PDB file of N, CA and C in Angstrom:
ATOM      1  N   UNK A   1       0.823  -1.199   0.000  1.00  0.00           N
ATOM      2  CA  UNK A   1       0.000   0.000   0.000  1.00  0.00           C
ATOM      3  C   UNK A   1       0.868   1.265   0.000  1.00  0.00           C
ATOM      4  N   UNK A   2       1.884   1.281   0.835  1.00  0.00           N
ATOM      5  CA  UNK A   2       2.775   2.433   0.915  1.00  0.00           C
ATOM      6  C   UNK A   2       3.508   2.613  -0.408  1.00  0.00           C
ATOM      7  N   UNK A   3       3.913   1.508  -1.016  1.00  0.00           N
ATOM      8  CA  UNK A   3       4.607   1.571  -2.305  1.00  0.00           C
ATOM      9  C   UNK A   3       3.727   2.224  -3.367  1.00  0.00           C
ATOM     10  N   UNK A   4       2.465   1.859  -3.387  1.00  0.00           N
ATOM     11  CA  UNK A   4       1.525   2.430  -4.361  1.00  0.00           C
ATOM     12  C   UNK A   4       1.408   3.941  -4.156  1.00  0.00           C
ATOM     13  N   UNK A   5       1.321   4.360  -2.913  1.00  0.00           N
ATOM     14  CA  UNK A   5       1.239   5.790  -2.617  1.00  0.00           C
ATOM     15  C   UNK A   5       2.496   6.523  -3.063  1.00  0.00           C
ATOM     16  N   UNK A   6       3.653   5.914  -2.839  1.00  0.00           N
ATOM     17  CA  UNK A   6       4.907   6.526  -3.276  1.00  0.00           C
ATOM     18  C   UNK A   6       4.960   6.647  -4.795  1.00  0.00           C
ATOM     19  N   UNK A   7       4.497   5.633  -5.493  1.00  0.00           N
ATOM     20  CA  UNK A   7       4.466   5.674  -6.953  1.00  0.00           C
ATOM     21  C   UNK A   7       3.539   6.801  -7.426  1.00  0.00           C
ATOM     22  N   UNK A   8       2.390   6.933  -6.789  1.00  0.00           N
ATOM     23  CA  UNK A   8       1.441   7.993  -7.153  1.00  0.00           C
ATOM     24  C   UNK A   8       2.047   9.365  -6.906  1.00  0.00           C
ATOM     25  N   UNK A   9       2.709   9.536  -5.775  1.00  0.00           N
ATOM     26  CA  UNK A   9       3.344  10.818  -5.450  1.00  0.00           C
ATOM     27  C   UNK A   9       4.436  11.147  -6.461  1.00  0.00           C
ATOM     28  N   UNK A  10       5.248  10.170  -6.799  1.00  0.00           N
ATOM     29  CA  UNK A  10       6.312  10.398  -7.795  1.00  0.00           C
ATOM     30  C   UNK A  10       5.726  10.758  -9.148  1.00  0.00           C
ATOM     31  N   UNK A  11       4.667  10.079  -9.518  1.00  0.00           N
ATOM     32  CA  UNK A  11       4.032  10.355 -10.813  1.00  0.00           C
ATOM     33  C   UNK A  11       3.477  11.777 -10.853  1.00  0.00           C
ATOM     34  N   UNK A  12       2.817  12.185  -9.769  1.00  0.00           N
ATOM     35  CA  UNK A  12       2.284  13.547  -9.716  1.00  0.00           C
ATOM     36  C   UNK A  12       3.405  14.577  -9.791  1.00  0.00           C
ATOM     37  N   UNK A  13       4.495  14.304  -9.110  1.00  0.00           N
ATOM     38  CA  UNK A  13       5.638  15.211  -9.141  1.00  0.00           C
ATOM     39  C   UNK A  13       6.212  15.279 -10.560  1.00  0.00           C
ATOM     40  N   UNK A  14       6.318  14.112 -11.195  1.00  0.00           N
ATOM     41  CA  UNK A  14       6.825  14.060 -12.573  1.00  0.00           C
ATOM     42  C   UNK A  14       5.899  14.838 -13.515  1.00  0.00           C
ATOM     43  N   UNK A  15       4.591  14.662 -13.363  1.00  0.00           N
ATOM     44  CA  UNK A  15       3.640  15.368 -14.216  1.00  0.00           C
ATOM     45  C   UNK A  15       3.707  16.878 -13.999  1.00  0.00           C
ATOM     46  N   UNK A  16       3.893  17.284 -12.757  1.00  0.00           N
ATOM     47  CA  UNK A  16       4.017  18.712 -12.464  1.00  0.00           C
ATOM     48  C   UNK A  16       5.262  19.289 -13.137  1.00  0.00           C
ATOM     49  N   UNK A  17       6.380  18.574 -13.058  1.00  0.00           N
ATOM     50  CA  UNK A  17       7.618  19.015 -13.706  1.00  0.00           C
ATOM     51  C   UNK A  17       7.445  19.045 -15.222  1.00  0.00           C
ATOM     52  N   UNK A  18       6.770  18.039 -15.760  1.00  0.00           N
ATOM     53  CA  UNK A  18       6.520  17.981 -17.196  1.00  0.00           C
ATOM     54  C   UNK A  18       5.686  19.177 -17.651  1.00  0.00           C
ATOM     55  N   UNK A  19       4.647  19.506 -16.890  1.00  0.00           N
ATOM     56  CA  UNK A  19       3.805  20.647 -17.252  1.00  0.00           C
ATOM     57  C   UNK A  19       4.585  21.960 -17.150  1.00  0.00           C
ATOM     58  N   UNK A  20       5.471  22.069 -16.186  1.00  0.00           N
ATOM     59  CA  UNK A  20       6.310  23.262 -16.072  1.00  0.00           C
ATOM     60  C   UNK A  20       7.216  23.396 -17.297  1.00  0.00           C
ATOM     61  N   UNK A  21       7.772  22.277 -17.739  1.00  0.00           N
ATOM     62  CA  UNK A  21       8.620  22.297 -18.937  1.00  0.00           C
ATOM     63  C   UNK A  21       7.809  22.674 -20.178  1.00  0.00           C
ATOM     64  N   UNK A  22       6.626  22.119 -20.286  1.00  0.00           N
ATOM     65  CA  UNK A  22       5.757  22.458 -21.424  1.00  0.00           C
ATOM     66  C   UNK A  22       5.414  23.943 -21.381  1.00  0.00           C
ATOM     67  N   UNK A  23       5.129  24.468 -20.197  1.00  0.00           N
ATOM     68  CA  UNK A  23       4.799  25.883 -20.057  1.00  0.00           C
ATOM     69  C   UNK A  23       5.993  26.765 -20.439  1.00  0.00           C
ATOM     70  N   UNK A  24       7.197  26.360 -20.028  1.00  0.00           N
ATOM     71  CA  UNK A  24       8.397  27.127 -20.381  1.00  0.00           C
ATOM     72  C   UNK A  24       8.601  27.161 -21.899  1.00  0.00           C
ATOM     73  N   UNK A  25       8.443  26.012 -22.545  1.00  0.00           N
ATOM     74  CA  UNK A  25       8.577  25.960 -24.001  1.00  0.00           C
ATOM     75  C   UNK A  25       7.495  26.813 -24.662  1.00  0.00           C
ATOM     76  N   UNK A  26       6.300  26.742 -24.118  1.00  0.00           N
ATOM     77  CA  UNK A  26       5.191  27.548 -24.633  1.00  0.00           C
ATOM     78  C   UNK A  26       5.521  29.039 -24.560  1.00  0.00           C
ATOM     79  N   UNK A  27       6.121  29.451 -23.457  1.00  0.00           N
ATOM     80  CA  UNK A  27       6.510  30.864 -23.313  1.00  0.00           C
ATOM     81  C   UNK A  27       7.626  31.238 -24.282  1.00  0.00           C
ATOM     82  N   UNK A  28       8.589  30.348 -24.457  1.00  0.00           N
ATOM     83  CA  UNK A  28       9.679  30.608 -25.397  1.00  0.00           C
ATOM     84  C   UNK A  28       9.123  30.792 -26.809  1.00  0.00           C
ATOM     85  N   UNK A  29       8.128  29.966 -27.144  1.00  0.00           N
ATOM     86  CA  UNK A  29       7.504  30.045 -28.466  1.00  0.00           C
ATOM     87  C   UNK A  29       6.457  31.156 -28.559  1.00  0.00           C
ATOM     88  N   UNK A  30       6.246  31.841 -27.433  1.00  0.00           N
ATOM     89  CA  UNK A  30       5.307  32.962 -27.382  1.00  0.00           C
ATOM     90  C   UNK A  30       3.904  32.555 -27.844  1.00  0.00           C
ATOM     91  N   UNK A  31       3.408  31.429 -27.307  1.00  0.00           N
ATOM     92  CA  UNK A  31       2.080  30.948 -27.692  1.00  0.00           C
ATOM     93  C   UNK A  31       0.950  31.726 -27.039  1.00  0.00           C
ATOM     94  N   UNK A  32       1.226  32.329 -25.892  1.00  0.00           N
ATOM     95  CA  UNK A  32       0.186  33.055 -25.180  1.00  0.00           C
ATOM     96  C   UNK A  32      -0.769  32.144 -24.418  1.00  0.00           C
ATOM     97  N   UNK A  33      -0.438  30.860 -24.323  1.00  0.00           N
ATOM     98  CA  UNK A  33      -1.299  29.913 -23.607  1.00  0.00           C
ATOM     99  C   UNK A  33      -0.930  29.884 -22.135  1.00  0.00           C
ATOM    100  N   UNK A  34      -1.946  29.884 -21.279  1.00  0.00           N
ATOM    101  CA  UNK A  34      -1.680  29.803 -19.847  1.00  0.00           C
ATOM    102  C   UNK A  34      -1.560  28.340 -19.413  1.00  0.00           C
ATOM    103  N   UNK A  35      -1.196  28.138 -18.156  1.00  0.00           N
ATOM    104  CA  UNK A  35      -0.971  26.781 -17.651  1.00  0.00           C
ATOM    105  C   UNK A  35      -2.230  25.921 -17.738  1.00  0.00           C
ATOM    106  N   UNK A  36      -3.350  26.506 -17.393  1.00  0.00           N
ATOM    107  CA  UNK A  36      -4.606  25.743 -17.410  1.00  0.00           C
ATOM    108  C   UNK A  36      -4.959  25.282 -18.826  1.00  0.00           C
ATOM    109  N   UNK A  37      -4.828  26.177 -19.787  1.00  0.00           N
ATOM    110  CA  UNK A  37      -5.122  25.834 -21.173  1.00  0.00           C
ATOM    111  C   UNK A  37      -4.173  24.758 -21.671  1.00  0.00           C
ATOM    112  N   UNK A  38      -2.887  24.916 -21.367  1.00  0.00           N
ATOM    113  CA  UNK A  38      -1.907  23.899 -21.770  1.00  0.00           C
ATOM    114  C   UNK A  38      -2.234  22.539 -21.160  1.00  0.00           C
ATOM    115  N   UNK A  39      -2.626  22.542 -19.904  1.00  0.00           N
ATOM    116  CA  UNK A  39      -2.971  21.297 -19.238  1.00  0.00           C
ATOM    117  C   UNK A  39      -4.159  20.623 -19.928  1.00  0.00           C
ATOM    118  N   UNK A  40      -5.158  21.410 -20.279  1.00  0.00           N
ATOM    119  CA  UNK A  40      -6.324  20.873 -20.988  1.00  0.00           C
ATOM    120  C   UNK A  40      -5.903  20.296 -22.332  1.00  0.00           C
ATOM    121  N   UNK A  41      -5.066  21.032 -23.062  1.00  0.00           N
ATOM    122  CA  UNK A  41      -4.623  20.560 -24.378  1.00  0.00           C
ATOM    123  C   UNK A  41      -3.802  19.284 -24.274  1.00  0.00           C
ATOM    124  N   UNK A  42      -2.928  19.211 -23.271  1.00  0.00           N
ATOM    125  CA  UNK A  42      -2.124  18.003 -23.070  1.00  0.00           C
ATOM    126  C   UNK A  42      -3.029  16.821 -22.739  1.00  0.00           C
ATOM    127  N   UNK A  43      -4.006  17.042 -21.863  1.00  0.00           N
ATOM    128  CA  UNK A  43      -4.935  15.964 -21.511  1.00  0.00           C
ATOM    129  C   UNK A  43      -5.728  15.491 -22.720  1.00  0.00           C
ATOM    130  N   UNK A  44      -6.131  16.416 -23.574  1.00  0.00           N
ATOM    131  CA  UNK A  44      -6.851  16.031 -24.787  1.00  0.00           C
ATOM    132  C   UNK A  44      -5.965  15.203 -25.707  1.00  0.00           C
ATOM    133  N   UNK A  45      -4.707  15.608 -25.834  1.00  0.00           N
ATOM    134  CA  UNK A  45      -3.765  14.829 -26.662  1.00  0.00           C
ATOM    135  C   UNK A  45      -3.571  13.434 -26.091  1.00  0.00           C
ATOM    136  N   UNK A  46      -3.426  13.344 -24.776  1.00  0.00           N
ATOM    137  CA  UNK A  46      -3.259  12.039 -24.137  1.00  0.00           C
ATOM    138  C   UNK A  46      -4.499  11.168 -24.312  1.00  0.00           C
ATOM    139  N   UNK A  47      -5.657  11.799 -24.460  1.00  0.00           N
ATOM    140  CA  UNK A  47      -6.911  11.061 -24.659  1.00  0.00           C
ATOM    141  C   UNK A  47      -7.085  10.642 -26.118  1.00  0.00           C
ATOM    142  N   UNK A  48      -6.152  11.061 -26.977  1.00  0.00           N
ATOM    143  CA  UNK A  48      -6.197  10.615 -28.356  1.00  0.00           C
ATOM    144  C   UNK A  48      -6.643  11.657 -29.372  1.00  0.00           C
ATOM    145  N   UNK A  49      -6.875  12.885 -28.918  1.00  0.00           N
ATOM    146  CA  UNK A  49      -7.268  13.936 -29.852  1.00  0.00           C
ATOM    147  C   UNK A  49      -6.052  14.344 -30.689  1.00  0.00           C
ATOM    148  N   UNK A  50      -6.276  14.555 -31.960  1.00  0.00           N
ATOM    149  CA  UNK A  50      -5.211  14.928 -32.887  1.00  0.00           C
ATOM    150  C   UNK A  50      -4.650  16.304 -32.518  1.00  0.00           C
ATOM    151  N   UNK A  51      -3.348  16.402 -32.211  1.00  0.00           N
ATOM    152  CA  UNK A  51      -2.747  17.689 -31.828  1.00  0.00           C
ATOM    153  C   UNK A  51      -2.870  18.760 -32.912  1.00  0.00           C
ATOM    154  N   UNK A  52      -2.775  18.351 -34.169  1.00  0.00           N
ATOM    155  CA  UNK A  52      -2.909  19.320 -35.261  1.00  0.00           C
ATOM    156  C   UNK A  52      -4.320  19.885 -35.311  1.00  0.00           C
ATOM    157  N   UNK A  53      -5.302  19.044 -35.049  1.00  0.00           N
ATOM    158  CA  UNK A  53      -6.691  19.510 -35.016  1.00  0.00           C
ATOM    159  C   UNK A  53      -6.889  20.481 -33.855  1.00  0.00           C
ATOM    160  N   UNK A  54      -6.271  20.198 -32.709  1.00  0.00           N
ATOM    161  CA  UNK A  54      -6.356  21.119 -31.567  1.00  0.00           C
ATOM    162  C   UNK A  54      -5.735  22.466 -31.901  1.00  0.00           C
ATOM    163  N   UNK A  55      -4.612  22.432 -32.598  1.00  0.00           N
ATOM    164  CA  UNK A  55      -3.943  23.682 -32.982  1.00  0.00           C
ATOM    165  C   UNK A  55      -4.853  24.509 -33.879  1.00  0.00           C
ATOM    166  N   UNK A  56      -5.545  23.855 -34.799  1.00  0.00           N
ATOM    167  CA  UNK A  56      -6.471  24.564 -35.689  1.00  0.00           C
ATOM    168  C   UNK A  56      -7.596  25.195 -34.870  1.00  0.00           C
ATOM    169  N   UNK A  57      -8.132  24.450 -33.910  1.00  0.00           N
ATOM    170  CA  UNK A  57      -9.225  24.965 -33.075  1.00  0.00           C
ATOM    171  C   UNK A  57      -8.751  26.163 -32.257  1.00  0.00           C
ATOM    172  N   UNK A  58      -7.565  26.063 -31.655  1.00  0.00           N
ATOM    173  CA  UNK A  58      -7.035  27.171 -30.845  1.00  0.00           C
ATOM    174  C   UNK A  58      -6.855  28.413 -31.720  1.00  0.00           C
ATOM    175  N   UNK A  59      -6.299  28.243 -32.907  1.00  0.00           N
ATOM    176  CA  UNK A  59      -6.111  29.384 -33.811  1.00  0.00           C
ATOM    177  C   UNK A  59      -7.450  30.000 -34.199  1.00  0.00           C
ATOM    178  N   UNK A  60      -8.428  29.155 -34.484  1.00  0.00           N
ATOM    179  CA  UNK A  60      -9.752  29.642 -34.874  1.00  0.00           C
ATOM    180  C   UNK A  60     -10.409  30.405 -33.728  1.00  0.00           C
ATOM    181  N   UNK A  61     -10.305  29.870 -32.520  1.00  0.00           N
ATOM    182  CA  UNK A  61     -10.872  30.551 -31.353  1.00  0.00           C
ATOM    183  C   UNK A  61     -10.202  31.907 -31.124  1.00  0.00           C
ATOM    184  N   UNK A  62      -8.900  31.951 -31.299  1.00  0.00           N
ATOM    185  CA  UNK A  62      -8.186  33.222 -31.138  1.00  0.00           C
ATOM    186  C   UNK A  62      -8.626  34.236 -32.190  1.00  0.00           C
ATOM    187  N   UNK A  63      -8.757  33.776 -33.429  1.00  0.00           N
ATOM    188  CA  UNK A  63      -9.194  34.668 -34.510  1.00  0.00           C
ATOM    189  C   UNK A  63     -10.580  35.213 -34.213  1.00  0.00           C
ATOM    190  N   UNK A  64     -11.490  34.330 -33.805  1.00  0.00           N
ATOM    191  CA  UNK A  64     -12.851  34.764 -33.481  1.00  0.00           C
ATOM    192  C   UNK A  64     -12.855  35.743 -32.318  1.00  0.00           C
ATOM    193  N   UNK A  65     -12.056  35.452 -31.297  1.00  0.00           N
ATOM    194  CA  UNK A  65     -11.972  36.332 -30.133  1.00  0.00           C
ATOM    195  C   UNK A  65     -11.430  37.703 -30.529  1.00  0.00           C
ATOM    196  N   UNK A  66     -10.395  37.700 -31.363  1.00  0.00           N
ATOM    197  CA  UNK A  66      -9.806  38.960 -31.822  1.00  0.00           C
ATOM    198  C   UNK A  66     -10.826  39.771 -32.622  1.00  0.00           C
ATOM    199  N   UNK A  67     -11.576  39.101 -33.493  1.00  0.00           N
ATOM    200  CA  UNK A  67     -12.579  39.789 -34.309  1.00  0.00           C
ATOM    201  C   UNK A  67     -13.680  40.375 -33.425  1.00  0.00           C
ATOM    202  N   UNK A  68     -14.121  39.631 -32.422  1.00  0.00           N
ATOM    203  CA  UNK A  68     -15.156  40.139 -31.518  1.00  0.00           C
ATOM    204  C   UNK A  68     -14.660  41.357 -30.747  1.00  0.00           C
ATOM    205  N   UNK A  69     -13.406  41.308 -30.284  1.00  0.00           N
ATOM    206  CA  UNK A  69     -12.849  42.453 -29.569  1.00  0.00           C
ATOM    207  C   UNK A  69     -12.776  43.679 -30.473  1.00  0.00           C
ATOM    208  N   UNK A  70     -12.393  43.469 -31.725  1.00  0.00           N
ATOM    209  CA  UNK A  70     -12.326  44.581 -32.677  1.00  0.00           C
ATOM    210  C   UNK A  70     -13.723  45.163 -32.922  1.00  0.00           C
ATOM    211  N   UNK A  71     -14.723  44.292 -33.052  1.00  0.00           N
ATOM    212  CA  UNK A  71     -16.089  44.753 -33.279  1.00  0.00           C
ATOM    213  C   UNK A  71     -16.598  45.536 -32.073  1.00  0.00           C
ATOM    214  N   UNK A  72     -16.297  45.043 -30.870  1.00  0.00           N
ATOM    215  CA  UNK A  72     -16.709  45.750 -29.661  1.00  0.00           C
ATOM    216  C   UNK A  72     -16.027  47.101 -29.568  1.00  0.00           C
ATOM    217  N   UNK A  73     -14.753  47.135 -29.917  1.00  0.00           N
ATOM    218  CA  UNK A  73     -13.994  48.377 -29.882  1.00  0.00           C
ATOM    219  C   UNK A  73     -14.609  49.387 -30.850  1.00  0.00           C
ATOM    220  N   UNK A  74     -14.942  48.914 -32.059  1.00  0.00           N
ATOM    221  CA  UNK A  74     -15.542  49.800 -33.063  1.00  0.00           C
ATOM    222  C   UNK A  74     -16.928  50.270 -32.639  1.00  0.00           C
ATOM    223  N   UNK A  75     -17.723  49.383 -32.060  1.00  0.00           N
ATOM    224  CA  UNK A  75     -19.064  49.786 -31.641  1.00  0.00           C
ATOM    225  C   UNK A  75     -18.985  50.741 -30.453  1.00  0.00           C
ATOM    226  N   UNK A  76     -18.026  50.549 -29.558  1.00  0.00           N
ATOM    227  CA  UNK A  76     -17.853  51.479 -28.439  1.00  0.00           C
ATOM    228  C   UNK A  76     -17.376  52.833 -28.942  1.00  0.00           C
ATOM    229  N   UNK A  77     -16.500  52.834 -29.911  1.00  0.00           N
ATOM    230  CA  UNK A  77     -16.018  54.096 -30.499  1.00  0.00           C
ATOM    231  C   UNK A  77     -17.160  54.793 -31.220  1.00  0.00           C
ATOM    232  N   UNK A  78     -17.974  54.044 -31.941  1.00  0.00           N
ATOM    233  CA  UNK A  78     -19.109  54.610 -32.678  1.00  0.00           C
ATOM    234  C   UNK A  78     -20.157  55.194 -31.759  1.00  0.00           C
ATOM    235  N   UNK A  79     -20.473  54.516 -30.646  1.00  0.00           N
ATOM    236  CA  UNK A  79     -21.487  55.021 -29.736  1.00  0.00           C
ATOM    237  C   UNK A  79     -20.981  56.217 -28.953  1.00  0.00           C
ATOM    238  N   UNK A  80     -19.706  56.229 -28.602  1.00  0.00           N
ATOM    239  CA  UNK A  80     -19.182  57.357 -27.845  1.00  0.00           C
ATOM    240  C   UNK A  80     -19.103  58.600 -28.730  1.00  0.00           C
ATOM    241  N   UNK A  81     -18.831  58.442 -30.032  1.00  0.00           N
ATOM    242  CA  UNK A  81     -18.751  59.606 -30.908  1.00  0.00           C
ATOM    243  C   UNK A  81     -20.138  60.134 -31.223  1.00  0.00           C
ATOM    244  N   UNK A  82     -21.184  59.323 -31.106  1.00  0.00           N
ATOM    245  CA  UNK A  82     -22.535  59.775 -31.358  1.00  0.00           C
ATOM    246  C   UNK A  82     -23.041  60.656 -30.214  1.00  0.00           C
ATOM    247  N   UNK A  83     -22.465  60.536 -29.037  1.00  0.00           N
ATOM    248  CA  UNK A  83     -22.904  61.313 -27.883  1.00  0.00           C
ATOM    249  C   UNK A  83     -22.150  62.622 -27.726  1.00  0.00           C
ATOM    250  N   UNK A  84     -21.246  62.933 -28.602  1.00  0.00           N
ATOM    251  CA  UNK A  84     -20.477  64.172 -28.513  1.00  0.00           C
ATOM    252  C   UNK A  84     -21.355  65.312 -28.967  1.00  0.00           C
ATOM    253  N   UNK A  85     -21.380  66.397 -28.199  1.00  0.00           N
ATOM    254  CA  UNK A  85     -22.204  67.571 -28.557  1.00  0.00           C
ATOM    255  C   UNK A  85     -21.476  68.520 -29.424  1.00  0.00           C
TER     256      UNK A  85
END
């Protein structure tokens, strides 16, 4: 029983170190992904999801998010200029 617990503790420690390394590489590559997002993506890959497909989804989500922010910025600029006397 104690051996099993030690194995689990070592595995968790190894996974934590692995995620830290992945996060460091992510920062070097300037991906803009946070630890939580990276963890989700790694878990999806381990579950068998195609990494290239995940990359496409992440890029698409970023593009959509950027477009929405631009639209909000433009609509806020448009409404504020309409209230100028």
